[in-house]
Protein backbone atom coordinates (compact mmCIF):
# COMPACT_ATOMS: atom_id res chain seq x y z
CA MET A 1 8.12 7.75 19.60
CA CYS A 2 6.71 5.75 22.54
CA LEU A 3 7.53 2.14 23.10
CA THR A 4 5.44 0.14 25.60
CA GLY A 5 5.99 -3.27 26.91
CA HIS A 6 3.38 -5.81 27.87
CA TYR A 7 4.11 -8.94 29.72
CA ILE A 8 2.69 -11.51 32.23
CA ASN A 9 4.33 -11.47 35.67
CA SER A 10 4.94 -14.36 38.05
CA ASP A 11 1.48 -13.88 39.49
CA SER A 12 -0.05 -14.33 36.01
CA LYS A 13 -1.11 -10.74 35.84
CA LEU A 14 -0.83 -8.63 32.69
CA ASN A 15 1.52 -5.61 33.10
CA SER A 16 2.07 -2.69 30.80
CA LYS A 17 4.98 -0.29 31.06
CA VAL A 18 6.27 2.67 29.10
CA LEU A 19 9.72 1.48 28.13
CA SER A 20 10.89 4.63 26.17
CA PHE A 21 9.50 7.93 25.19
CA THR A 22 11.73 9.60 22.63
CA ILE A 23 11.57 12.73 20.54
CA PHE A 24 11.56 11.71 17.00
CA PRO A 25 12.13 14.83 14.78
CA GLU A 26 13.53 12.95 11.82
CA ARG A 27 11.56 12.19 8.72
CA HIS A 28 9.29 9.20 9.37
CA THR A 29 11.06 6.96 6.79
CA SER A 30 11.26 3.25 7.31
CA GLU A 31 14.96 3.43 7.82
CA ASN A 32 14.66 6.09 10.51
CA ILE A 33 11.84 4.22 12.24
CA SER A 34 13.71 0.91 12.17
CA TYR A 35 16.94 2.44 13.47
CA THR A 36 15.18 4.17 16.31
CA ILE A 37 13.17 1.26 17.46
CA LYS A 38 16.21 -1.00 17.35
CA LYS A 39 18.39 1.58 19.16
CA GLN A 40 15.84 1.99 21.97
CA LEU A 41 15.29 -1.70 22.48
CA LYS A 42 19.02 -2.44 22.55
CA ARG A 43 19.61 0.46 24.95
CA LEU A 44 17.04 -1.22 27.24
CA GLN A 45 18.54 -4.65 26.70
CA VAL A 46 15.26 -6.13 25.51
CA TYR A 47 15.88 -6.33 21.74
CA GLU A 48 16.61 -10.05 21.84
CA LYS A 49 13.74 -10.70 24.28
CA THR A 50 11.12 -8.89 22.06
CA HIS A 51 9.01 -11.26 20.08
CA ALA A 52 6.53 -8.99 18.28
CA ILE A 53 5.76 -5.32 17.95
CA THR A 54 2.26 -3.83 17.34
CA CYS A 55 1.96 -0.76 15.13
CA ASP A 56 -0.25 0.78 12.50
CA GLY A 57 -0.35 -0.47 8.95
CA ALA A 58 1.26 2.60 7.31
CA SER A 59 3.64 1.62 4.50
CA ASN A 60 6.65 3.17 6.32
CA MET A 61 5.88 1.12 9.39
CA ARG A 62 5.43 -2.10 7.43
CA LYS A 63 8.70 -1.54 5.54
CA SER A 64 10.62 -0.67 8.70
CA PHE A 65 10.12 -4.22 9.98
CA ASN A 66 11.98 -5.70 7.03
CA THR A 67 15.22 -5.16 8.95
CA LEU A 68 14.01 -5.81 12.48
CA LYS A 69 14.05 -9.09 14.28
CA PRO A 70 10.67 -8.84 16.08
CA LYS A 71 7.64 -9.68 13.96
CA ARG A 72 5.17 -6.89 13.20
CA LEU A 73 1.62 -7.25 14.31
CA GLN A 74 -0.84 -4.71 12.90
CA CYS A 75 -2.96 -2.96 15.54
CA LEU A 76 -6.62 -4.17 15.22
CA GLY A 77 -7.87 -0.70 16.05
CA HIS A 78 -6.00 0.77 13.05
CA LYS A 79 -7.15 -2.04 10.84
CA LEU A 80 -10.83 -1.36 11.48
């Protein structure tokens, strides 16, 4: 699982960084996805600062956000 962060710096420039790249051998259930995302964001100390997460619209991804604080935004590329 790869988590990337996108933010505007003090010079008003958009920055993108890979925050975490983790092997995810578990079944891709909503519970496992939710647990792994939350664990990685908390480890990086950015869970409380995260406002939204973009992902595909698969049912397991949609359901995983029922227990996460950040809002889920569906990826436009996956929507088309």
